[in-house]
PDB file of N, CA and C in Angstrom:
ATOM      1  N   MET A   1     113.699 118.854 100.218  1.00  0.00           N
ATOM      2  CA  MET A   1     112.578 119.392 100.975  1.00  0.00           C
ATOM      3  C   MET A   1     111.855 120.477 100.172  1.00  0.00           C
ATOM      4  N   LYS A   2     112.645 121.291  99.464  1.00  0.00           N
ATOM      5  CA  LYS A   2     112.058 122.366  98.670  1.00  0.00           C
ATOM      6  C   LYS A   2     111.152 121.799  97.577  1.00  0.00           C
ATOM      7  N   ARG A   3     111.553 120.662  97.019  1.00  0.00           N
ATOM      8  CA  ARG A   3     110.755 120.028  95.967  1.00  0.00           C
ATOM      9  C   ARG A   3     109.394 119.571  96.507  1.00  0.00           C
ATOM     10  N   TYR A   4     109.377 118.980  97.695  1.00  0.00           N
ATOM     11  CA  TYR A   4     108.119 118.535  98.293  1.00  0.00           C
ATOM     12  C   TYR A   4     107.231 119.707  98.675  1.00  0.00           C
ATOM     13  N   LEU A   5     107.846 120.773  99.161  1.00  0.00           N
ATOM     14  CA  LEU A   5     107.081 121.965  99.495  1.00  0.00           C
ATOM     15  C   LEU A   5     106.467 122.574  98.238  1.00  0.00           C
ATOM     16  N   SER A   6     107.226 122.587  97.144  1.00  0.00           N
ATOM     17  CA  SER A   6     106.708 123.095  95.876  1.00  0.00           C
ATOM     18  C   SER A   6     105.540 122.233  95.386  1.00  0.00           C
ATOM     19  N   MET A   7     105.655 120.924  95.534  1.00  0.00           N
ATOM     20  CA  MET A   7     104.580 120.027  95.124  1.00  0.00           C
ATOM     21  C   MET A   7     103.335 120.253  95.975  1.00  0.00           C
ATOM     22  N   LEU A   8     103.513 120.453  97.274  1.00  0.00           N
ATOM     23  CA  LEU A   8     102.379 120.712  98.159  1.00  0.00           C
ATOM     24  C   LEU A   8     101.689 122.025  97.797  1.00  0.00           C
ATOM     25  N   VAL A   9     102.477 123.046  97.483  1.00  0.00           N
ATOM     26  CA  VAL A   9     101.909 124.332  97.072  1.00  0.00           C
ATOM     27  C   VAL A   9     101.119 124.172  95.767  1.00  0.00           C
ATOM     28  N   ASN A  10     101.635 123.367  94.826  1.00  0.00           N
ATOM     29  CA  ASN A  10     100.901 123.114  93.582  1.00  0.00           C
ATOM     30  C   ASN A  10      99.572 122.426  93.849  1.00  0.00           C
ATOM     31  N   TYR A  11      99.581 121.418  94.710  1.00  0.00           N
ATOM     32  CA  TYR A  11      98.323 120.739  95.055  1.00  0.00           C
ATOM     33  C   TYR A  11      97.332 121.719  95.663  1.00  0.00           C
ATOM     34  N   LEU A  12      97.792 122.525  96.578  1.00  0.00           N
ATOM     35  CA  LEU A  12      96.906 123.496  97.218  1.00  0.00           C
ATOM     36  C   LEU A  12      96.398 124.532  96.219  1.00  0.00           C
ATOM     37  N   LEU A  13      97.255 124.956  95.302  1.00  0.00           N
ATOM     38  CA  LEU A  13      96.864 125.934  94.296  1.00  0.00           C
ATOM     39  C   LEU A  13      95.745 125.398  93.409  1.00  0.00           C
ATOM     40  N   TYR A  14      95.919 124.192  92.898  1.00  0.00           N
ATOM     41  CA  TYR A  14      94.912 123.641  91.988  1.00  0.00           C
ATOM     42  C   TYR A  14      93.664 123.186  92.739  1.00  0.00           C
ATOM     43  N   PHE A  15      93.799 122.780  93.989  1.00  0.00           N
ATOM     44  CA  PHE A  15      92.630 122.477  94.815  1.00  0.00           C
ATOM     45  C   PHE A  15      91.822 123.750  95.049  1.00  0.00           C
ATOM     46  N   THR A  16      92.521 124.852  95.270  1.00  0.00           N
ATOM     47  CA  THR A  16      91.859 126.144  95.436  1.00  0.00           C
ATOM     48  C   THR A  16      91.124 126.546  94.156  1.00  0.00           C
ATOM     49  N   VAL A  17      91.718 126.253  93.006  1.00  0.00           N
ATOM     50  CA  VAL A  17      91.056 126.551  91.727  1.00  0.00           C
ATOM     51  C   VAL A  17      89.741 125.772  91.631  1.00  0.00           C
ATOM     52  N   ILE A  18      89.754 124.492  92.021  1.00  0.00           N
ATOM     53  CA  ILE A  18      88.535 123.684  91.981  1.00  0.00           C
ATOM     54  C   ILE A  18      87.469 124.267  92.902  1.00  0.00           C
ATOM     55  N   LEU A  19      87.869 124.620  94.113  1.00  0.00           N
ATOM     56  CA  LEU A  19      86.912 125.206  95.055  1.00  0.00           C
ATOM     57  C   LEU A  19      86.380 126.540  94.548  1.00  0.00           C
ATOM     58  N   LEU A  20      87.243 127.341  93.927  1.00  0.00           N
ATOM     59  CA  LEU A  20      86.827 128.621  93.362  1.00  0.00           C
ATOM     60  C   LEU A  20      85.792 128.416  92.251  1.00  0.00           C
ATOM     61  N   VAL A  21      86.010 127.423  91.405  1.00  0.00           N
ATOM     62  CA  VAL A  21      85.067 127.164  90.317  1.00  0.00           C
ATOM     63  C   VAL A  21      83.714 126.721  90.878  1.00  0.00           C
ATOM     64  N   ILE A  22      83.722 125.854  91.893  1.00  0.00           N
ATOM     65  CA  ILE A  22      82.456 125.429  92.506  1.00  0.00           C
ATOM     66  C   ILE A  22      81.755 126.626  93.144  1.00  0.00           C
ATOM     67  N   PHE A  23      82.512 127.473  93.824  1.00  0.00           N
ATOM     68  CA  PHE A  23      81.950 128.676  94.436  1.00  0.00           C
ATOM     69  C   PHE A  23      81.348 129.589  93.371  1.00  0.00           C
ATOM     70  N   LEU A  24      82.081 129.803  92.272  1.00  0.00           N
ATOM     71  CA  LEU A  24      81.574 130.640  91.186  1.00  0.00           C
ATOM     72  C   LEU A  24      80.345 130.024  90.522  1.00  0.00           C
ATOM     73  N   TYR A  25      80.329 128.703  90.414  1.00  0.00           N
ATOM     74  CA  TYR A  25      79.136 128.043  89.866  1.00  0.00           C
ATOM     75  C   TYR A  25      77.922 128.360  90.731  1.00  0.00           C
ATOM     76  N   ASN A  26      78.085 128.231  92.048  1.00  0.00           N
ATOM     77  CA  ASN A  26      76.962 128.478  92.955  1.00  0.00           C
ATOM     78  C   ASN A  26      76.534 129.941  92.962  1.00  0.00           C
ATOM     79  N   ILE A  27      77.472 130.858  92.786  1.00  0.00           N
ATOM     80  CA  ILE A  27      77.166 132.287  92.853  1.00  0.00           C
ATOM     81  C   ILE A  27      76.675 132.835  91.505  1.00  0.00           C
ATOM     82  N   VAL A  28      77.283 132.387  90.393  1.00  0.00           N
ATOM     83  CA  VAL A  28      76.997 132.993  89.092  1.00  0.00           C
ATOM     84  C   VAL A  28      76.062 132.138  88.233  1.00  0.00           C
ATOM     85  N   ILE A  29      76.415 130.876  88.023  1.00  0.00           N
ATOM     86  CA  ILE A  29      75.685 130.062  87.057  1.00  0.00           C
ATOM     87  C   ILE A  29      74.343 129.589  87.607  1.00  0.00           C
ATOM     88  N   ASP A  30      74.304 129.170  88.881  1.00  0.00           N
ATOM     89  CA  ASP A  30      73.059 128.654  89.452  1.00  0.00           C
ATOM     90  C   ASP A  30      71.919 129.674  89.421  1.00  0.00           C
ATOM     91  N   PRO A  31      72.135 130.942  89.812  1.00  0.00           N
ATOM     92  CA  PRO A  31      71.017 131.892  89.733  1.00  0.00           C
ATOM     93  C   PRO A  31      70.533 132.138  88.304  1.00  0.00           C
ATOM     94  N   VAL A  32      71.433 132.063  87.331  1.00  0.00           N
ATOM     95  CA  VAL A  32      71.042 132.309  85.947  1.00  0.00           C
ATOM     96  C   VAL A  32      70.272 131.114  85.376  1.00  0.00           C
ATOM     97  N   LEU A  33      70.793 129.897  85.569  1.00  0.00           N
ATOM     98  CA  LEU A  33      70.188 128.708  84.972  1.00  0.00           C
ATOM     99  C   LEU A  33      69.173 128.033  85.874  1.00  0.00           C
ATOM    100  N   GLY A  34      69.299 128.224  87.180  1.00  0.00           N
ATOM    101  CA  GLY A  34      68.348 127.644  88.120  1.00  0.00           C
ATOM    102  C   GLY A  34      68.426 126.139  88.233  1.00  0.00           C
ATOM    103  N   TRP A  35      69.622 125.568  88.102  1.00  0.00           N
ATOM    104  CA  TRP A  35      69.796 124.117  88.165  1.00  0.00           C
ATOM    105  C   TRP A  35      70.042 123.613  89.566  1.00  0.00           C
ATOM    106  N   GLY A  36      70.150 124.474  90.524  1.00  0.00           N
ATOM    107  CA  GLY A  36      70.426 124.074  91.898  1.00  0.00           C
ATOM    108  C   GLY A  36      71.897 124.226  92.238  1.00  0.00           C
ATOM    109  N   GLN A  37      72.168 124.254  93.527  1.00  0.00           N
ATOM    110  CA  GLN A  37      73.539 124.351  93.998  1.00  0.00           C
ATOM    111  C   GLN A  37      74.333 123.146  93.504  1.00  0.00           C
ATOM    112  N   PHE A  38      75.655 123.284  93.447  1.00  0.00           N
ATOM    113  CA  PHE A  38      76.498 122.212  92.922  1.00  0.00           C
ATOM    114  C   PHE A  38      76.312 120.941  93.754  1.00  0.00           C
ATOM    115  N   GLY A  39      76.022 119.850  93.065  1.00  0.00           N
ATOM    116  CA  GLY A  39      75.833 118.562  93.724  1.00  0.00           C
ATOM    117  C   GLY A  39      74.410 118.306  94.172  1.00  0.00           C
ATOM    118  N   LYS A  40      73.515 119.251  93.944  1.00  0.00           N
ATOM    119  CA  LYS A  40      72.118 119.086  94.333  1.00  0.00           C
ATOM    120  C   LYS A  40      71.239 119.382  93.130  1.00  0.00           C
ATOM    121  N   GLY A  41      70.061 118.822  93.106  1.00  0.00           N
ATOM    122  CA  GLY A  41      69.138 119.083  92.016  1.00  0.00           C
ATOM    123  C   GLY A  41      69.082 117.934  91.038  1.00  0.00           C
ATOM    124  N   LYS A  42      68.470 118.207  89.895  1.00  0.00           N
ATOM    125  CA  LYS A  42      68.242 117.167  88.897  1.00  0.00           C
ATOM    126  C   LYS A  42      69.329 117.090  87.833  1.00  0.00           C
ATOM    127  N   ASN A  43      70.150 118.112  87.708  1.00  0.00           N
ATOM    128  CA  ASN A  43      71.131 118.184  86.620  1.00  0.00           C
ATOM    129  C   ASN A  43      72.563 118.009  87.113  1.00  0.00           C
ATOM    130  N   ILE A  44      72.794 117.034  87.970  1.00  0.00           N
ATOM    131  CA  ILE A  44      74.130 116.848  88.544  1.00  0.00           C
ATOM    132  C   ILE A  44      75.175 116.517  87.473  1.00  0.00           C
ATOM    133  N   PRO A  45      74.907 115.647  86.497  1.00  0.00           N
ATOM    134  CA  PRO A  45      75.946 115.374  85.487  1.00  0.00           C
ATOM    135  C   PRO A  45      76.390 116.612  84.717  1.00  0.00           C
ATOM    136  N   ILE A  46      75.441 117.472  84.329  1.00  0.00           N
ATOM    137  CA  ILE A  46      75.829 118.677  83.594  1.00  0.00           C
ATOM    138  C   ILE A  46      76.561 119.654  84.509  1.00  0.00           C
ATOM    139  N   GLN A  47      76.196 119.681  85.787  1.00  0.00           N
ATOM    140  CA  GLN A  47      76.908 120.527  86.749  1.00  0.00           C
ATOM    141  C   GLN A  47      78.366 120.086  86.861  1.00  0.00           C
ATOM    142  N   VAL A  48      78.579 118.787  87.003  1.00  0.00           N
ATOM    143  CA  VAL A  48      79.939 118.258  87.123  1.00  0.00           C
ATOM    144  C   VAL A  48      80.726 118.527  85.846  1.00  0.00           C
ATOM    145  N   PHE A  49      80.087 118.351  84.691  1.00  0.00           N
ATOM    146  CA  PHE A  49      80.764 118.596  83.418  1.00  0.00           C
ATOM    147  C   PHE A  49      81.175 120.060  83.292  1.00  0.00           C
ATOM    148  N   MET A  50      80.259 120.963  83.629  1.00  0.00           N
ATOM    149  CA  MET A  50      80.571 122.400  83.535  1.00  0.00           C
ATOM    150  C   MET A  50      81.717 122.768  84.467  1.00  0.00           C
ATOM    151  N   VAL A  51      81.679 122.263  85.698  1.00  0.00           N
ATOM    152  CA  VAL A  51      82.743 122.566  86.653  1.00  0.00           C
ATOM    153  C   VAL A  51      84.065 121.981  86.159  1.00  0.00           C
ATOM    154  N   LEU A  52      84.035 120.785  85.584  1.00  0.00           N
ATOM    155  CA  LEU A  52      85.261 120.173  85.073  1.00  0.00           C
ATOM    156  C   LEU A  52      85.869 120.993  83.951  1.00  0.00           C
ATOM    157  N   VAL A  53      85.053 121.402  82.993  1.00  0.00           N
ATOM    158  CA  VAL A  53      85.558 122.174  81.850  1.00  0.00           C
ATOM    159  C   VAL A  53      86.118 123.521  82.311  1.00  0.00           C
ATOM    160  N   ILE A  54      85.396 124.193  83.184  1.00  0.00           N
ATOM    161  CA  ILE A  54      85.866 125.493  83.671  1.00  0.00           C
ATOM    162  C   ILE A  54      87.138 125.326  84.505  1.00  0.00           C
ATOM    163  N   THR A  55      87.215 124.239  85.285  1.00  0.00           N
ATOM    164  CA  THR A  55      88.413 123.981  86.090  1.00  0.00           C
ATOM    165  C   THR A  55      89.622 123.738  85.200  1.00  0.00           C
ATOM    166  N   ILE A  56      89.457 122.977  84.131  1.00  0.00           N
ATOM    167  CA  ILE A  56      90.577 122.729  83.208  1.00  0.00           C
ATOM    168  C   ILE A  56      91.031 124.033  82.560  1.00  0.00           C
ATOM    169  N   ALA A  57      90.077 124.862  82.142  1.00  0.00           N
ATOM    170  CA  ALA A  57      90.437 126.142  81.518  1.00  0.00           C
ATOM    171  C   ALA A  57      91.158 127.055  82.510  1.00  0.00           C
ATOM    172  N   LEU A  58      90.622 127.174  83.719  1.00  0.00           N
ATOM    173  CA  LEU A  58      91.283 128.022  84.719  1.00  0.00           C
ATOM    174  C   LEU A  58      92.638 127.459  85.142  1.00  0.00           C
ATOM    175  N   SER A  59      92.762 126.130  85.178  1.00  0.00           N
ATOM    176  CA  SER A  59      94.052 125.526  85.524  1.00  0.00           C
ATOM    177  C   SER A  59      95.101 125.856  84.471  1.00  0.00           C
ATOM    178  N   ALA A  60      94.694 125.879  83.197  1.00  0.00           N
ATOM    179  CA  ALA A  60      95.630 126.258  82.137  1.00  0.00           C
ATOM    180  C   ALA A  60      96.076 127.703  82.300  1.00  0.00           C
ATOM    181  N   ILE A  61      95.148 128.571  82.672  1.00  0.00           N
ATOM    182  CA  ILE A  61      95.491 129.983  82.881  1.00  0.00           C
ATOM    183  C   ILE A  61      96.409 130.133  84.093  1.00  0.00           C
ATOM    184  N   VAL A  62      96.087 129.446  85.183  1.00  0.00           N
ATOM    185  CA  VAL A  62      96.921 129.511  86.393  1.00  0.00           C
ATOM    186  C   VAL A  62      98.318 128.977  86.096  1.00  0.00           C
ATOM    187  N   TYR A  63      98.395 127.906  85.317  1.00  0.00           N
ATOM    188  CA  TYR A  63      99.678 127.314  84.939  1.00  0.00           C
ATOM    189  C   TYR A  63     100.537 128.324  84.186  1.00  0.00           C
ATOM    190  N   ALA A  64      99.933 129.021  83.228  1.00  0.00           N
ATOM    191  CA  ALA A  64     100.683 130.026  82.450  1.00  0.00           C
ATOM    192  C   ALA A  64     101.115 131.196  83.324  1.00  0.00           C
ATOM    193  N   ILE A  65     100.229 131.657  84.191  1.00  0.00           N
ATOM    194  CA  ILE A  65     100.566 132.784  85.072  1.00  0.00           C
ATOM    195  C   ILE A  65     101.670 132.393  86.046  1.00  0.00           C
ATOM    196  N   LYS A  66     101.574 131.183  86.586  1.00  0.00           N
ATOM    197  CA  LYS A  66     102.569 130.727  87.560  1.00  0.00           C
ATOM    198  C   LYS A  66     103.965 130.719  86.955  1.00  0.00           C
ATOM    199  N   TYR A  67     104.085 130.213  85.729  1.00  0.00           N
ATOM    200  CA  TYR A  67     105.404 130.168  85.116  1.00  0.00           C
ATOM    201  C   TYR A  67     105.878 131.538  84.651  1.00  0.00           C
ATOM    202  N   ARG A  68     104.962 132.445  84.359  1.00  0.00           N
ATOM    203  CA  ARG A  68     105.382 133.818  84.040  1.00  0.00           C
ATOM    204  C   ARG A  68     105.941 134.512  85.275  1.00  0.00           C
ATOM    205  N   LEU A  69     105.269 134.296  86.407  1.00  0.00           N
ATOM    206  CA  LEU A  69     105.747 134.911  87.647  1.00  0.00           C
ATOM    207  C   LEU A  69     107.085 134.328  88.079  1.00  0.00           C
ATOM    208  N   LEU A  70     107.289 133.022  87.843  1.00  0.00           N
ATOM    209  CA  LEU A  70     108.551 132.384  88.210  1.00  0.00           C
ATOM    210  C   LEU A  70     109.642 132.598  87.171  1.00  0.00           C
ATOM    211  N   LYS A  71     109.262 133.224  86.049  1.00  0.00           N
ATOM    212  CA  LYS A  71     110.188 133.510  84.946  1.00  0.00           C
ATOM    213  C   LYS A  71     110.888 132.234  84.458  1.00  0.00           C
ATOM    214  N   GLN A  72     110.092 131.178  84.289  1.00  0.00           N
ATOM    215  CA  GLN A  72     110.588 129.917  83.756  1.00  0.00           C
ATOM    216  C   GLN A  72     109.897 129.650  82.429  1.00  0.00           C
ATOM    217  N   THR A  73     110.507 128.803  81.620  1.00  0.00           N
ATOM    218  CA  THR A  73     109.888 128.411  80.365  1.00  0.00           C
ATOM    219  C   THR A  73     109.060 127.158  80.629  1.00  0.00           C
ATOM    220  N   PRO A  74     107.747 127.292  80.563  1.00  0.00           N
ATOM    221  CA  PRO A  74     106.916 126.123  80.878  1.00  0.00           C
ATOM    222  C   PRO A  74     106.785 125.167  79.709  1.00  0.00           C
ATOM    223  N   VAL A  75     106.553 123.923  80.040  1.00  0.00           N
ATOM    224  CA  VAL A  75     106.135 122.950  79.041  1.00  0.00           C
ATOM    225  C   VAL A  75     104.671 123.270  78.767  1.00  0.00           C
ATOM    226  N   SER A  76     104.213 123.052  77.561  1.00  0.00           N
ATOM    227  CA  SER A  76     102.826 123.332  77.235  1.00  0.00           C
ATOM    228  C   SER A  76     101.899 122.575  78.180  1.00  0.00           C
ATOM    229  N   PHE A  77     100.874 123.273  78.682  1.00  0.00           N
ATOM    230  CA  PHE A  77      99.912 122.655  79.600  1.00  0.00           C
ATOM    231  C   PHE A  77      99.258 121.446  78.951  1.00  0.00           C
ATOM    232  N   TRP A  78      98.965 121.532  77.664  1.00  0.00           N
ATOM    233  CA  TRP A  78      98.274 120.442  76.973  1.00  0.00           C
ATOM    234  C   TRP A  78      99.200 119.253  76.767  1.00  0.00           C
ATOM    235  N   ILE A  79     100.482 119.503  76.497  1.00  0.00           N
ATOM    236  CA  ILE A  79     101.443 118.403  76.374  1.00  0.00           C
ATOM    237  C   ILE A  79     101.667 117.766  77.738  1.00  0.00           C
ATOM    238  N   LEU A  80     101.766 118.587  78.767  1.00  0.00           N
ATOM    239  CA  LEU A  80     101.954 118.086  80.124  1.00  0.00           C
ATOM    240  C   LEU A  80     100.766 117.234  80.555  1.00  0.00           C
ATOM    241  N   SER A  81      99.569 117.591  80.113  1.00  0.00           N
ATOM    242  CA  SER A  81      98.362 116.840  80.459  1.00  0.00           C
ATOM    243  C   SER A  81      98.211 115.582  79.617  1.00  0.00           C
ATOM    244  N   SER A  82      99.057 115.406  78.640  1.00  0.00           N
ATOM    245  CA  SER A  82      99.059 114.240  77.748  1.00  0.00           C
ATOM    246  C   SER A  82      97.778 114.114  76.940  1.00  0.00           C
ATOM    247  N   PHE A  83      97.196 115.236  76.559  1.00  0.00           N
ATOM    248  CA  PHE A  83      96.055 115.193  75.665  1.00  0.00           C
ATOM    249  C   PHE A  83      96.591 114.922  74.268  1.00  0.00           C
ATOM    250  N   SER A  84      95.998 113.983  73.597  1.00  0.00           N
ATOM    251  CA  SER A  84      96.440 113.689  72.240  1.00  0.00           C
ATOM    252  C   SER A  84      95.372 114.152  71.258  1.00  0.00           C
ATOM    253  N   PRO A  85      95.781 114.551  70.067  1.00  0.00           N
ATOM    254  CA  PRO A  85      94.789 115.019  69.095  1.00  0.00           C
ATOM    255  C   PRO A  85      93.885 113.869  68.650  1.00  0.00           C
ATOM    256  N   ILE A  86      92.647 114.200  68.367  1.00  0.00           N
ATOM    257  CA  ILE A  86      91.677 113.208  67.925  1.00  0.00           C
ATOM    258  C   ILE A  86      91.348 113.504  66.471  1.00  0.00           C
ATOM    259  N   SER A  87      91.448 112.492  65.649  1.00  0.00           N
ATOM    260  CA  SER A  87      91.149 112.679  64.226  1.00  0.00           C
ATOM    261  C   SER A  87      89.640 112.823  64.037  1.00  0.00           C
ATOM    262  N   PRO A  88      89.229 113.480  62.963  1.00  0.00           N
ATOM    263  CA  PRO A  88      87.789 113.639  62.711  1.00  0.00           C
ATOM    264  C   PRO A  88      87.052 112.298  62.572  1.00  0.00           C
ATOM    265  N   SER A  89      87.685 111.309  61.954  1.00  0.00           N
ATOM    266  CA  SER A  89      87.014 110.015  61.804  1.00  0.00           C
ATOM    267  C   SER A  89      86.832 109.336  63.166  1.00  0.00           C
ATOM    268  N   PHE A  90      87.827 109.460  64.054  1.00  0.00           N
ATOM    269  CA  PHE A  90      87.702 108.877  65.385  1.00  0.00           C
ATOM    270  C   PHE A  90      86.659 109.631  66.207  1.00  0.00           C
ATOM    271  N   SER A  91      86.562 110.948  66.005  1.00  0.00           N
ATOM    272  CA  SER A  91      85.527 111.734  66.691  1.00  0.00           C
ATOM    273  C   SER A  91      84.139 111.275  66.260  1.00  0.00           C
ATOM    274  N   ALA A  92      83.955 111.062  64.962  1.00  0.00           N
ATOM    275  CA  ALA A  92      82.662 110.580  64.468  1.00  0.00           C
ATOM    276  C   ALA A  92      82.358 109.198  65.037  1.00  0.00           C
ATOM    277  N   HIS A  93      83.375 108.356  65.125  1.00  0.00           N
ATOM    278  CA  HIS A  93      83.196 107.019  65.694  1.00  0.00           C
ATOM    279  C   HIS A  93      82.774 107.110  67.162  1.00  0.00           C
ATOM    280  N   MET A  94      83.425 107.989  67.947  1.00  0.00           N
ATOM    281  CA  MET A  94      83.080 108.144  69.362  1.00  0.00           C
ATOM    282  C   MET A  94      81.659 108.676  69.519  1.00  0.00           C
ATOM    283  N   ILE A  95      81.264 109.623  68.690  1.00  0.00           N
ATOM    284  CA  ILE A  95      79.907 110.178  68.768  1.00  0.00           C
ATOM    285  C   ILE A  95      78.883 109.103  68.420  1.00  0.00           C
ATOM    286  N   THR A  96      79.169 108.298  67.398  1.00  0.00           N
ATOM    287  CA  THR A  96      78.253 107.223  67.004  1.00  0.00           C
ATOM    288  C   THR A  96      78.102 106.198  68.124  1.00  0.00           C
ATOM    289  N   ILE A  97      79.195 105.788  68.732  1.00  0.00           N
ATOM    290  CA  ILE A  97      79.142 104.822  69.839  1.00  0.00           C
ATOM    291  C   ILE A  97      78.379 105.429  71.012  1.00  0.00           C
ATOM    292  N   GLY A  98      78.623 106.698  71.329  1.00  0.00           N
ATOM    293  CA  GLY A  98      77.919 107.358  72.430  1.00  0.00           C
ATOM    294  C   GLY A  98      76.419 107.425  72.191  1.00  0.00           C
ATOM    295  N   LEU A  99      76.024 107.784  70.967  1.00  0.00           N
ATOM    296  CA  LEU A  99      74.596 107.830  70.635  1.00  0.00           C
ATOM    297  C   LEU A  99      73.963 106.442  70.695  1.00  0.00           C
ATOM    298  N   ALA A 100      74.697 105.426  70.229  1.00  0.00           N
ATOM    299  CA  ALA A 100      74.167 104.059  70.258  1.00  0.00           C
ATOM    300  C   ALA A 100      73.920 103.611  71.696  1.00  0.00           C
ATOM    301  N   PHE A 101      74.867 103.865  72.577  1.00  0.00           N
ATOM    302  CA  PHE A 101      74.680 103.465  73.972  1.00  0.00           C
ATOM    303  C   PHE A 101      73.601 104.297  74.661  1.00  0.00           C
ATOM    304  N   THR A 102      73.467 105.549  74.280  1.00  0.00           N
ATOM    305  CA  THR A 102      72.395 106.372  74.837  1.00  0.00           C
ATOM    306  C   THR A 102      71.035 105.834  74.432  1.00  0.00           C
ATOM    307  N   LEU A 103      70.889 105.484  73.153  1.00  0.00           N
ATOM    308  CA  LEU A 103      69.627 104.914  72.684  1.00  0.00           C
ATOM    309  C   LEU A 103      69.351 103.553  73.321  1.00  0.00           C
ATOM    310  N   LEU A 104      70.395 102.736  73.483  1.00  0.00           N
ATOM    311  CA  LEU A 104      70.238 101.443  74.150  1.00  0.00           C
ATOM    312  C   LEU A 104      69.785 101.629  75.593  1.00  0.00           C
ATOM    313  N   ASN A 105      70.384 102.581  76.289  1.00  0.00           N
ATOM    314  CA  ASN A 105      70.010 102.866  77.669  1.00  0.00           C
ATOM    315  C   ASN A 105      68.570 103.365  77.749  1.00  0.00           C
ATOM    316  N   ALA A 106      68.192 104.268  76.855  1.00  0.00           N
ATOM    317  CA  ALA A 106      66.825 104.798  76.862  1.00  0.00           C
ATOM    318  C   ALA A 106      65.822 103.692  76.566  1.00  0.00           C
ATOM    319  N   ALA A 107      66.140 102.822  75.609  1.00  0.00           N
ATOM    320  CA  ALA A 107      65.229 101.728  75.266  1.00  0.00           C
ATOM    321  C   ALA A 107      65.084 100.745  76.420  1.00  0.00           C
ATOM    322  N   SER A 108      66.197 100.427  77.079  1.00  0.00           N
ATOM    323  CA  SER A 108      66.114  99.487  78.204  1.00  0.00           C
ATOM    324  C   SER A 108      65.353 100.112  79.378  1.00  0.00           C
ATOM    325  N   MET A 109      65.527 101.398  79.623  1.00  0.00           N
ATOM    326  CA  MET A 109      64.780 102.066  80.697  1.00  0.00           C
ATOM    327  C   MET A 109      63.288 102.080  80.379  1.00  0.00           C
ATOM    328  N   LYS A 110      62.940 102.327  79.124  1.00  0.00           N
ATOM    329  CA  LYS A 110      61.528 102.340  78.739  1.00  0.00           C
ATOM    330  C   LYS A 110      60.920 100.946  78.891  1.00  0.00           C
ATOM    331  N   LEU A 111      61.667  99.920  78.520  1.00  0.00           N
ATOM    332  CA  LEU A 111      61.205  98.548  78.676  1.00  0.00           C
ATOM    333  C   LEU A 111      61.001  98.196  80.146  1.00  0.00           C
ATOM    334  N   LEU A 112      61.953  98.584  80.990  1.00  0.00           N
ATOM    335  CA  LEU A 112      61.827  98.304  82.424  1.00  0.00           C
ATOM    336  C   LEU A 112      60.641  99.054  83.026  1.00  0.00           C
ATOM    337  N   LEU A 113      60.443 100.302  82.613  1.00  0.00           N
ATOM    338  CA  LEU A 113      59.305 101.066  83.124  1.00  0.00           C
ATOM    339  C   LEU A 113      57.976 100.493  82.619  1.00  0.00           C
ATOM    340  N   TYR A 114      57.974  99.946  81.413  1.00  0.00           N
ATOM    341  CA  TYR A 114      56.755  99.340  80.863  1.00  0.00           C
ATOM    342  C   TYR A 114      56.303  98.150  81.723  1.00  0.00           C
ATOM    343  N   TYR A 115      57.290  97.394  82.237  1.00  0.00           N
ATOM    344  CA  TYR A 115      56.989  96.237  83.076  1.00  0.00           C
ATOM    345  C   TYR A 115      57.002  96.585  84.573  1.00  0.00           C
ATOM    346  N   ASN A 116      56.991  97.870  84.894  1.00  0.00           N
ATOM    347  CA  ASN A 116      56.970  98.377  86.279  1.00  0.00           C
ATOM    348  C   ASN A 116      58.143  97.862  87.113  1.00  0.00           C
ATOM    349  N   VAL A 117      59.304  97.730  86.506  1.00  0.00           N
ATOM    350  CA  VAL A 117      60.508  97.364  87.234  1.00  0.00           C
ATOM    351  C   VAL A 117      61.228  98.662  87.581  1.00  0.00           C
ATOM    352  N   GLN A 118      61.474  98.842  88.876  1.00  0.00           N
ATOM    353  CA  GLN A 118      62.093 100.106  89.300  1.00  0.00           C
ATOM    354  C   GLN A 118      63.534  99.910  89.657  1.00  0.00           C
TER     355      GLN A 118
END
């Protein structure tokens, strides 16, 4: 039972971190950048990306603090998340593929707009 309660507390803790980041985005970042409240406006993908990156960073900090308070030796947050290192050549390959698909998408959208297809 203690294990399930601990798991529930972890879910609530990290859910709270997500809500805190969204709240901070609306209070701090939106007035500075003027992109609109989270989930509204024209820049929703960048809003989601910013919230995701900040949530991952804060989750790593919360993870370290939690294990310090419990006086346990934690497994590395990055190893636990199963992030694997990316080689520079693979990074260049991913960037090239991303740019190619972006250009393909832009070209197809321009073609569709040229023929008034909505």
